[in-house]
Amino acid sequence: MNNKCEIVIYPNDIIHPKFGGVGFHIFHHAHHITKDHFEQVIAKRWCEMNPSFARMNDQWDWSKEMWNEVVQHLMLLKDTKTEVYQTTWNPKDTNEGKERADYAKKVVDNLEYLIRERGAFNIKYYCMTNELSMVKWGSLRDDLPKFKDYHNEIFKEIKSRNLDVQLLATDA
């Protein structure tokens, strides 16, 4: 049995007019790497690939030190103009009302810090949850009113600060 096949790519044939090219997953900041490894491997590959968009994972409760490390890595984007969507792993399970509004404030505090205070201008979208997960994988698919309420709270907070970030419903 022959399992070989030929794949032909026609780069001038646009299949979808909004397709922006190669994407990239910004994940290295969540793991310990040396400065040398970052500069000699990750940064070089990033610049060689020159991705048009990237997904960046975060945790809502990271310290300022962690966010500062993220910003150092995002500075690669200045040359490549890569658009980023930030998505949270393990969003905090909150009750409707003040508790959820406070969570939304914390999320937008993080976005505002990255964008306005640290200059990470390419963060264009925020995805509240990776694959509709909260507590366990995909659990919010069975509670769409709760999912919607999170988005409403985050949207209100983004708008109140006039922050140029759009919401991405889910990356599932």
N, C-alpha and C. Protein backbone atom coordinates (compact mmCIF):
# COMPACT_ATOMS: atom_id res chain seq x y z
N MET A 1 0.84 -1.17 0.00
CA MET A 1 0.00 0.00 0.00
C MET A 1 0.89 1.24 0.00
N ASN A 2 0.64 2.17 -0.90
CA ASN A 2 1.42 3.39 -1.03
C ASN A 2 0.74 4.51 -0.26
N ASN A 3 1.37 5.01 0.78
CA ASN A 3 0.80 6.07 1.60
C ASN A 3 1.31 7.45 1.23
N LYS A 4 1.97 7.57 0.11
CA LYS A 4 2.52 8.85 -0.30
C LYS A 4 1.47 9.64 -1.06
N CYS A 5 1.53 10.95 -0.87
CA CYS A 5 0.66 11.83 -1.64
C CYS A 5 1.43 13.12 -1.92
N GLU A 6 1.02 13.81 -2.94
CA GLU A 6 1.67 15.07 -3.29
C GLU A 6 0.74 16.21 -2.91
N ILE A 7 1.31 17.20 -2.21
CA ILE A 7 0.55 18.39 -1.82
C ILE A 7 1.11 19.56 -2.60
N VAL A 8 0.23 20.24 -3.31
CA VAL A 8 0.64 21.38 -4.12
C VAL A 8 0.01 22.63 -3.51
N ILE A 9 0.83 23.65 -3.28
CA ILE A 9 0.35 24.91 -2.72
C ILE A 9 0.48 25.99 -3.78
N TYR A 10 -0.61 26.69 -4.01
CA TYR A 10 -0.62 27.80 -4.96
C TYR A 10 -0.75 29.09 -4.18
N PRO A 11 0.36 29.75 -3.84
CA PRO A 11 0.30 30.92 -2.96
C PRO A 11 -0.44 32.12 -3.54
N ASN A 12 -0.62 32.16 -4.83
CA ASN A 12 -1.33 33.29 -5.43
C ASN A 12 -2.83 33.04 -5.57
N ASP A 13 -3.26 31.84 -5.21
CA ASP A 13 -4.67 31.48 -5.32
C ASP A 13 -5.32 31.68 -3.94
N ILE A 14 -6.04 32.78 -3.77
CA ILE A 14 -6.64 33.10 -2.48
C ILE A 14 -7.92 32.30 -2.30
N ILE A 15 -7.94 31.47 -1.27
CA ILE A 15 -9.12 30.66 -0.98
C ILE A 15 -10.11 31.45 -0.15
N HIS A 16 -9.61 32.19 0.80
CA HIS A 16 -10.46 33.02 1.66
C HIS A 16 -9.85 34.42 1.69
N PRO A 17 -10.60 35.42 1.28
CA PRO A 17 -10.01 36.76 1.16
C PRO A 17 -9.50 37.37 2.47
N LYS A 18 -9.96 36.88 3.61
CA LYS A 18 -9.50 37.44 4.88
C LYS A 18 -8.39 36.61 5.52
N PHE A 19 -7.96 35.55 4.85
CA PHE A 19 -6.89 34.73 5.40
C PHE A 19 -5.62 35.55 5.49
N GLY A 20 -5.04 35.62 6.68
CA GLY A 20 -3.88 36.48 6.89
C GLY A 20 -2.55 35.77 6.85
N GLY A 21 -2.53 34.49 6.61
CA GLY A 21 -1.26 33.78 6.55
C GLY A 21 -1.03 32.89 7.75
N VAL A 22 0.21 32.57 7.99
CA VAL A 22 0.62 31.64 9.03
C VAL A 22 0.30 32.20 10.41
N GLY A 23 -0.20 31.35 11.29
CA GLY A 23 -0.43 31.73 12.67
C GLY A 23 0.65 31.15 13.57
N PHE A 24 0.68 31.59 14.80
CA PHE A 24 1.72 31.19 15.73
C PHE A 24 1.10 31.09 17.11
N HIS A 25 1.61 30.20 17.93
CA HIS A 25 1.11 30.04 19.28
C HIS A 25 2.17 30.57 20.24
N ILE A 26 1.85 31.66 20.95
CA ILE A 26 2.78 32.23 21.92
C ILE A 26 2.54 31.51 23.24
N PHE A 27 3.42 30.60 23.53
CA PHE A 27 3.23 29.75 24.70
C PHE A 27 4.50 29.65 25.55
N HIS A 28 5.62 30.06 24.96
CA HIS A 28 6.90 29.87 25.64
C HIS A 28 7.01 30.65 26.95
N HIS A 29 6.26 31.75 27.08
CA HIS A 29 6.35 32.53 28.31
C HIS A 29 5.80 31.77 29.53
N ALA A 30 5.01 30.75 29.29
CA ALA A 30 4.43 29.99 30.40
C ALA A 30 5.37 28.90 30.91
N HIS A 31 6.54 28.77 30.30
CA HIS A 31 7.52 27.76 30.69
C HIS A 31 8.88 28.44 30.88
N HIS A 32 9.68 27.87 31.75
CA HIS A 32 11.00 28.44 31.96
C HIS A 32 11.89 28.17 30.75
N ILE A 33 12.46 29.23 30.20
CA ILE A 33 13.47 29.11 29.15
C ILE A 33 14.57 30.10 29.48
N THR A 34 15.75 29.80 29.01
CA THR A 34 16.85 30.73 29.25
C THR A 34 16.76 31.90 28.28
N LYS A 35 17.41 32.98 28.64
CA LYS A 35 17.46 34.16 27.77
C LYS A 35 18.10 33.79 26.43
N ASP A 36 19.17 32.99 26.49
CA ASP A 36 19.86 32.57 25.28
C ASP A 36 18.95 31.74 24.37
N HIS A 37 18.21 30.80 24.96
CA HIS A 37 17.29 29.98 24.16
C HIS A 37 16.21 30.86 23.52
N PHE A 38 15.70 31.80 24.30
CA PHE A 38 14.69 32.70 23.76
C PHE A 38 15.25 33.49 22.57
N GLU A 39 16.41 34.09 22.76
CA GLU A 39 16.97 34.94 21.70
C GLU A 39 17.45 34.15 20.49
N GLN A 40 18.07 32.99 20.73
CA GLN A 40 18.68 32.25 19.63
C GLN A 40 17.73 31.28 18.92
N VAL A 41 16.66 30.89 19.57
CA VAL A 41 15.75 29.94 18.94
C VAL A 41 14.38 30.57 18.69
N ILE A 42 13.70 30.94 19.76
CA ILE A 42 12.32 31.40 19.62
C ILE A 42 12.23 32.71 18.85
N ALA A 43 13.01 33.70 19.24
CA ALA A 43 12.94 35.00 18.57
C ALA A 43 13.31 34.89 17.10
N LYS A 44 14.34 34.13 16.81
CA LYS A 44 14.75 33.97 15.41
C LYS A 44 13.67 33.27 14.59
N ARG A 45 13.09 32.21 15.14
CA ARG A 45 12.03 31.50 14.40
C ARG A 45 10.82 32.41 14.20
N TRP A 46 10.51 33.18 15.24
CA TRP A 46 9.38 34.11 15.14
C TRP A 46 9.59 35.06 13.97
N CYS A 47 10.74 35.68 13.94
CA CYS A 47 11.02 36.66 12.89
C CYS A 47 11.10 36.02 11.51
N GLU A 48 11.62 34.80 11.42
CA GLU A 48 11.68 34.11 10.14
C GLU A 48 10.28 33.76 9.63
N MET A 49 9.42 33.31 10.54
CA MET A 49 8.05 32.95 10.13
C MET A 49 7.21 34.18 9.85
N ASN A 50 7.47 35.26 10.61
CA ASN A 50 6.72 36.51 10.45
C ASN A 50 5.21 36.24 10.42
N PRO A 51 4.67 35.66 11.49
CA PRO A 51 3.25 35.27 11.48
C PRO A 51 2.33 36.48 11.43
N SER A 52 1.20 36.30 10.79
CA SER A 52 0.24 37.40 10.69
C SER A 52 -0.64 37.49 11.93
N PHE A 53 -0.82 36.38 12.63
CA PHE A 53 -1.58 36.40 13.87
C PHE A 53 -1.01 35.37 14.83
N ALA A 54 -1.31 35.57 16.10
CA ALA A 54 -0.82 34.64 17.11
C ALA A 54 -1.81 34.54 18.25
N ARG A 55 -1.84 33.38 18.85
CA ARG A 55 -2.65 33.13 20.03
C ARG A 55 -1.70 33.15 21.23
N MET A 56 -2.06 33.92 22.25
CA MET A 56 -1.24 34.01 23.44
C MET A 56 -2.06 33.59 24.65
N ASN A 57 -1.59 32.58 25.34
CA ASN A 57 -2.28 32.12 26.54
C ASN A 57 -1.85 32.92 27.76
N ASP A 58 -2.78 33.05 28.69
CA ASP A 58 -2.49 33.74 29.94
C ASP A 58 -3.29 33.10 31.06
N GLN A 59 -2.98 33.54 32.25
CA GLN A 59 -3.76 33.21 33.43
C GLN A 59 -4.22 34.54 34.02
N TRP A 60 -5.45 34.64 34.42
CA TRP A 60 -6.00 35.91 34.90
C TRP A 60 -5.33 36.41 36.17
N ASP A 61 -4.72 35.50 36.94
CA ASP A 61 -4.16 35.89 38.23
C ASP A 61 -2.63 35.94 38.26
N TRP A 62 -2.01 36.10 37.09
CA TRP A 62 -0.56 36.23 37.06
C TRP A 62 -0.10 37.49 37.79
N SER A 63 1.10 37.43 38.32
CA SER A 63 1.71 38.57 39.01
C SER A 63 2.22 39.58 37.97
N LYS A 64 2.52 40.79 38.43
CA LYS A 64 3.11 41.81 37.55
C LYS A 64 4.43 41.32 36.97
N GLU A 65 5.20 40.55 37.74
CA GLU A 65 6.46 40.02 37.25
C GLU A 65 6.24 39.11 36.04
N MET A 66 5.20 38.28 36.13
CA MET A 66 4.90 37.39 35.00
C MET A 66 4.44 38.20 33.80
N TRP A 67 3.58 39.19 34.03
CA TRP A 67 3.12 40.02 32.91
C TRP A 67 4.30 40.76 32.28
N ASN A 68 5.26 41.18 33.08
CA ASN A 68 6.44 41.86 32.53
C ASN A 68 7.26 40.92 31.65
N GLU A 69 7.33 39.65 32.04
CA GLU A 69 8.01 38.66 31.20
C GLU A 69 7.26 38.47 29.88
N VAL A 70 5.95 38.43 29.95
CA VAL A 70 5.14 38.32 28.74
C VAL A 70 5.42 39.49 27.81
N VAL A 71 5.48 40.70 28.37
CA VAL A 71 5.72 41.89 27.56
C VAL A 71 7.08 41.81 26.86
N GLN A 72 8.08 41.32 27.55
CA GLN A 72 9.40 41.19 26.91
C GLN A 72 9.31 40.30 25.68
N HIS A 73 8.52 39.26 25.77
CA HIS A 73 8.37 38.35 24.64
C HIS A 73 7.51 38.97 23.54
N LEU A 74 6.53 39.77 23.93
CA LEU A 74 5.67 40.41 22.93
C LEU A 74 6.40 41.49 22.13
N MET A 75 7.50 41.96 22.63
CA MET A 75 8.22 43.01 21.92
C MET A 75 8.72 42.52 20.56
N LEU A 76 8.78 41.21 20.37
CA LEU A 76 9.08 40.67 19.04
C LEU A 76 8.05 41.14 18.01
N LEU A 77 6.86 41.41 18.47
CA LEU A 77 5.77 41.77 17.57
C LEU A 77 5.96 43.13 16.93
N LYS A 78 6.77 43.97 17.52
CA LYS A 78 6.95 45.31 16.98
C LYS A 78 7.42 45.28 15.53
N ASP A 79 8.31 44.37 15.20
CA ASP A 79 8.83 44.30 13.84
C ASP A 79 7.92 43.51 12.91
N THR A 80 7.26 42.50 13.42
CA THR A 80 6.46 41.63 12.55
C THR A 80 5.02 42.11 12.38
N LYS A 81 4.56 43.00 13.23
CA LYS A 81 3.18 43.52 13.16
C LYS A 81 2.14 42.43 13.35
N THR A 82 2.50 41.37 14.03
CA THR A 82 1.60 40.25 14.29
C THR A 82 0.44 40.69 15.17
N GLU A 83 -0.78 40.38 14.75
CA GLU A 83 -1.95 40.63 15.59
C GLU A 83 -2.09 39.46 16.57
N VAL A 84 -2.45 39.80 17.80
CA VAL A 84 -2.52 38.79 18.85
C VAL A 84 -3.94 38.67 19.39
N TYR A 85 -4.36 37.44 19.62
CA TYR A 85 -5.53 37.26 20.47
C TYR A 85 -5.07 36.54 21.72
N GLN A 86 -5.46 37.11 22.83
CA GLN A 86 -5.09 36.59 24.14
C GLN A 86 -6.24 35.72 24.63
N THR A 87 -5.93 34.54 25.10
CA THR A 87 -6.96 33.64 25.63
C THR A 87 -6.55 33.12 27.00
N THR A 88 -7.50 33.08 27.90
CA THR A 88 -7.24 32.71 29.29
C THR A 88 -7.46 31.22 29.52
N TRP A 89 -6.51 30.63 30.18
CA TRP A 89 -6.68 29.27 30.66
C TRP A 89 -7.25 29.34 32.07
N ASN A 90 -8.17 28.48 32.35
CA ASN A 90 -8.76 28.39 33.68
C ASN A 90 -9.34 29.71 34.18
N PRO A 91 -10.30 30.28 33.44
CA PRO A 91 -10.92 31.51 33.96
C PRO A 91 -11.57 31.23 35.31
N LYS A 92 -11.64 32.26 36.12
CA LYS A 92 -12.18 32.10 37.47
C LYS A 92 -13.68 31.85 37.40
N ASP A 93 -14.13 30.83 38.09
CA ASP A 93 -15.56 30.53 38.17
C ASP A 93 -16.17 31.47 39.21
N THR A 94 -17.04 32.36 38.77
CA THR A 94 -17.60 33.38 39.65
C THR A 94 -19.12 33.31 39.67
N ASN A 95 -19.69 33.96 40.66
CA ASN A 95 -21.14 34.13 40.72
C ASN A 95 -21.52 35.38 39.93
N GLU A 96 -22.73 35.36 39.41
CA GLU A 96 -23.26 36.49 38.66
C GLU A 96 -23.32 37.73 39.58
N GLY A 97 -23.15 38.90 38.99
CA GLY A 97 -23.24 40.14 39.75
C GLY A 97 -21.88 40.72 40.05
N LYS A 98 -21.71 41.22 41.28
CA LYS A 98 -20.48 41.92 41.66
C LYS A 98 -19.24 41.06 41.51
N GLU A 99 -19.32 39.80 41.91
CA GLU A 99 -18.15 38.93 41.83
C GLU A 99 -17.68 38.78 40.38
N ARG A 100 -18.61 38.61 39.45
CA ARG A 100 -18.24 38.47 38.04
C ARG A 100 -17.76 39.80 37.48
N ALA A 101 -18.37 40.89 37.88
CA ALA A 101 -17.93 42.22 37.44
C ALA A 101 -16.51 42.49 37.93
N ASP A 102 -16.20 42.09 39.16
CA ASP A 102 -14.85 42.25 39.69
C ASP A 102 -13.84 41.42 38.90
N TYR A 103 -14.24 40.22 38.51
CA TYR A 103 -13.38 39.38 37.68
C TYR A 103 -13.12 40.06 36.33
N ALA A 104 -14.16 40.57 35.72
CA ALA A 104 -14.02 41.26 34.44
C ALA A 104 -13.07 42.45 34.58
N LYS A 105 -13.17 43.17 35.69
CA LYS A 105 -12.27 44.30 35.94
C LYS A 105 -10.83 43.83 35.98
N LYS A 106 -10.56 42.71 36.66
CA LYS A 106 -9.20 42.18 36.76
C LYS A 106 -8.67 41.79 35.38
N VAL A 107 -9.50 41.15 34.57
CA VAL A 107 -9.10 40.76 33.22
C VAL A 107 -8.72 41.98 32.40
N VAL A 108 -9.55 43.01 32.47
CA VAL A 108 -9.29 44.22 31.68
C VAL A 108 -8.14 45.03 32.28
N ASP A 109 -7.95 44.96 33.60
CA ASP A 109 -6.75 45.55 34.20
C ASP A 109 -5.50 44.97 33.53
N ASN A 110 -5.49 43.65 33.35
CA ASN A 110 -4.34 42.98 32.72
C ASN A 110 -4.16 43.44 31.28
N LEU A 111 -5.24 43.47 30.53
CA LEU A 111 -5.17 43.93 29.13
C LEU A 111 -4.67 45.37 29.06
N GLU A 112 -5.22 46.22 29.90
CA GLU A 112 -4.84 47.63 29.88
C GLU A 112 -3.36 47.80 30.27
N TYR A 113 -2.91 47.04 31.24
CA TYR A 113 -1.51 47.10 31.63
C TYR A 113 -0.61 46.73 30.45
N LEU A 114 -0.93 45.62 29.79
CA LEU A 114 -0.11 45.18 28.66
C LEU A 114 -0.10 46.21 27.53
N ILE A 115 -1.27 46.73 27.21
CA ILE A 115 -1.40 47.61 26.05
C ILE A 115 -0.97 49.04 26.35
N ARG A 116 -1.54 49.64 27.37
CA ARG A 116 -1.29 51.07 27.61
C ARG A 116 -0.01 51.34 28.39
N GLU A 117 0.25 50.52 29.39
CA GLU A 117 1.43 50.80 30.22
C GLU A 117 2.71 50.20 29.65
N ARG A 118 2.61 49.05 28.98
CA ARG A 118 3.81 48.37 28.50
C ARG A 118 3.97 48.39 26.99
N GLY A 119 2.98 48.91 26.25
CA GLY A 119 3.14 49.10 24.81
C GLY A 119 2.91 47.89 23.93
N ALA A 120 2.22 46.88 24.42
CA ALA A 120 1.91 45.70 23.60
C ALA A 120 0.71 46.02 22.70
N PHE A 121 0.96 46.84 21.70
CA PHE A 121 -0.11 47.41 20.87
C PHE A 121 -0.80 46.41 19.95
N ASN A 122 -0.22 45.23 19.74
CA ASN A 122 -0.80 44.29 18.79
C ASN A 122 -1.83 43.35 19.39
N ILE A 123 -2.14 43.50 20.67
CA ILE A 123 -3.21 42.68 21.25
C ILE A 123 -4.53 43.29 20.78
N LYS A 124 -5.18 42.59 19.88
CA LYS A 124 -6.39 43.11 19.24
C LYS A 124 -7.67 42.42 19.70
N TYR A 125 -7.53 41.21 20.25
CA TYR A 125 -8.70 40.42 20.62
C TYR A 125 -8.45 39.76 21.97
N TYR A 126 -9.55 39.53 22.69
CA TYR A 126 -9.48 38.79 23.94
C TYR A 126 -10.50 37.66 23.88
N CYS A 127 -10.04 36.47 24.19
CA CYS A 127 -10.88 35.27 24.23
C CYS A 127 -10.97 34.84 25.69
N MET A 128 -12.16 34.94 26.26
CA MET A 128 -12.33 34.71 27.69
C MET A 128 -11.91 33.32 28.13
N THR A 129 -12.12 32.33 27.28
CA THR A 129 -11.82 30.97 27.70
C THR A 129 -11.31 30.14 26.53
N ASN A 130 -10.30 29.39 26.80
CA ASN A 130 -9.76 28.46 25.82
C ASN A 130 -10.72 27.27 25.72
N GLU A 131 -11.32 27.10 24.56
CA GLU A 131 -12.18 25.95 24.26
C GLU A 131 -13.37 25.80 25.22
N LEU A 132 -13.98 26.93 25.58
CA LEU A 132 -15.16 26.94 26.44
C LEU A 132 -14.94 26.23 27.78
N SER A 133 -13.72 26.27 28.25
CA SER A 133 -13.38 25.56 29.49
C SER A 133 -13.47 26.45 30.71
N MET A 134 -14.07 25.91 31.75
CA MET A 134 -14.08 26.52 33.07
C MET A 134 -14.24 25.37 34.05
N VAL A 135 -13.28 25.19 34.90
CA VAL A 135 -13.20 24.07 35.84
C VAL A 135 -12.81 22.79 35.10
N LYS A 136 -13.52 22.46 34.02
CA LYS A 136 -13.11 21.32 33.19
C LYS A 136 -13.33 21.67 31.72
N TRP A 137 -12.70 20.93 30.85
CA TRP A 137 -12.72 21.22 29.42
C TRP A 137 -14.15 21.29 28.87
N GLY A 138 -14.44 22.38 28.15
CA GLY A 138 -15.69 22.54 27.42
C GLY A 138 -16.93 22.71 28.27
N SER A 139 -16.81 22.92 29.56
CA SER A 139 -17.99 22.94 30.43
C SER A 139 -18.96 24.08 30.14
N LEU A 140 -18.48 25.19 29.61
CA LEU A 140 -19.39 26.31 29.34
C LEU A 140 -20.30 26.09 28.14
N ARG A 141 -20.05 25.07 27.34
CA ARG A 141 -20.95 24.80 26.21
C ARG A 141 -22.34 24.39 26.71
N ASP A 142 -22.40 23.95 27.97
CA ASP A 142 -23.67 23.57 28.57
C ASP A 142 -24.27 24.67 29.43
N ASP A 143 -23.62 25.84 29.47
CA ASP A 143 -24.13 26.97 30.23
C ASP A 143 -23.86 28.26 29.47
N LEU A 144 -24.49 28.39 28.31
CA LEU A 144 -24.26 29.55 27.46
C LEU A 144 -24.74 30.87 28.09
N PRO A 145 -25.79 30.89 28.91
CA PRO A 145 -26.14 32.16 29.59
C PRO A 145 -25.00 32.66 30.49
N LYS A 146 -24.32 31.76 31.18
CA LYS A 146 -23.18 32.14 32.01
C LYS A 146 -22.04 32.66 31.12
N PHE A 147 -21.78 31.97 30.04
CA PHE A 147 -20.76 32.37 29.07
C PHE A 147 -21.06 33.77 28.54
N LYS A 148 -22.30 34.01 28.21
CA LYS A 148 -22.73 35.33 27.71
C LYS A 148 -22.55 36.40 28.78
N ASP A 149 -22.88 36.09 30.02
CA ASP A 149 -22.77 37.07 31.09
C ASP A 149 -21.30 37.47 31.31
N TYR A 150 -20.39 36.51 31.26
CA TYR A 150 -18.97 36.85 31.34
C TYR A 150 -18.60 37.85 30.25
N HIS A 151 -19.02 37.55 29.03
CA HIS A 151 -18.70 38.44 27.91
C HIS A 151 -19.31 39.82 28.08
N ASN A 152 -20.54 39.87 28.57
CA ASN A 152 -21.17 41.17 28.80
C ASN A 152 -20.38 41.99 29.81
N GLU A 153 -19.94 41.37 30.89
CA GLU A 153 -19.18 42.08 31.92
C GLU A 153 -17.82 42.55 31.39
N ILE A 154 -17.15 41.68 30.66
CA ILE A 154 -15.84 42.05 30.10
C ILE A 154 -16.02 43.15 29.06
N PHE A 155 -17.04 43.03 28.22
CA PHE A 155 -17.31 44.05 27.20
C PHE A 155 -17.57 45.42 27.83
N LYS A 156 -18.39 45.45 28.88
CA LYS A 156 -18.67 46.72 29.56
C LYS A 156 -17.39 47.34 30.11
N GLU A 157 -16.53 46.52 30.68
CA GLU A 157 -15.29 47.04 31.25
C GLU A 157 -14.33 47.55 30.17
N ILE A 158 -14.23 46.83 29.07
CA ILE A 158 -13.39 47.27 27.95
C ILE A 158 -13.88 48.61 27.42
N LYS A 159 -15.19 48.72 27.22
CA LYS A 159 -15.78 49.96 26.68
C LYS A 159 -15.63 51.12 27.65
N SER A 160 -15.76 50.86 28.95
CA SER A 160 -15.65 51.95 29.92
C SER A 160 -14.25 52.56 29.92
N ARG A 161 -13.25 51.79 29.47
CA ARG A 161 -11.87 52.29 29.43
C ARG A 161 -11.44 52.70 28.03
N ASN A 162 -12.37 52.58 27.08
CA ASN A 162 -12.08 52.93 25.69
C ASN A 162 -10.83 52.19 25.20
N LEU A 163 -10.78 50.91 25.51
CA LEU A 163 -9.66 50.07 25.13
C LEU A 163 -9.98 49.40 23.79
N ASP A 164 -9.07 49.49 22.84
CA ASP A 164 -9.30 48.97 21.49
C ASP A 164 -9.01 47.47 21.42
N VAL A 165 -9.88 46.68 22.07
CA VAL A 165 -9.77 45.23 22.08
C VAL A 165 -11.15 44.67 21.80
N GLN A 166 -11.22 43.72 20.87
CA GLN A 166 -12.50 43.08 20.55
C GLN A 166 -12.55 41.73 21.25
N LEU A 167 -13.76 41.24 21.43
CA LEU A 167 -13.93 39.94 22.07
C LEU A 167 -14.04 38.84 21.02
N LEU A 168 -13.35 37.76 21.26
CA LEU A 168 -13.44 36.56 20.44
C LEU A 168 -14.21 35.55 21.26
N ALA A 169 -15.34 35.09 20.76
CA ALA A 169 -16.22 34.25 21.56
C ALA A 169 -15.50 33.03 22.12
N THR A 170 -14.87 32.26 21.28
CA THR A 170 -14.13 31.10 21.73
C THR A 170 -13.18 30.68 20.63
N ASP A 171 -12.11 30.03 21.02
CA ASP A 171 -11.18 29.51 20.01
C ASP A 171 -11.37 28.01 19.84
N ALA A 172 -12.52 27.51 20.29
CA ALA A 172 -12.80 26.09 20.16
C ALA A 172 -13.06 25.73 18.70
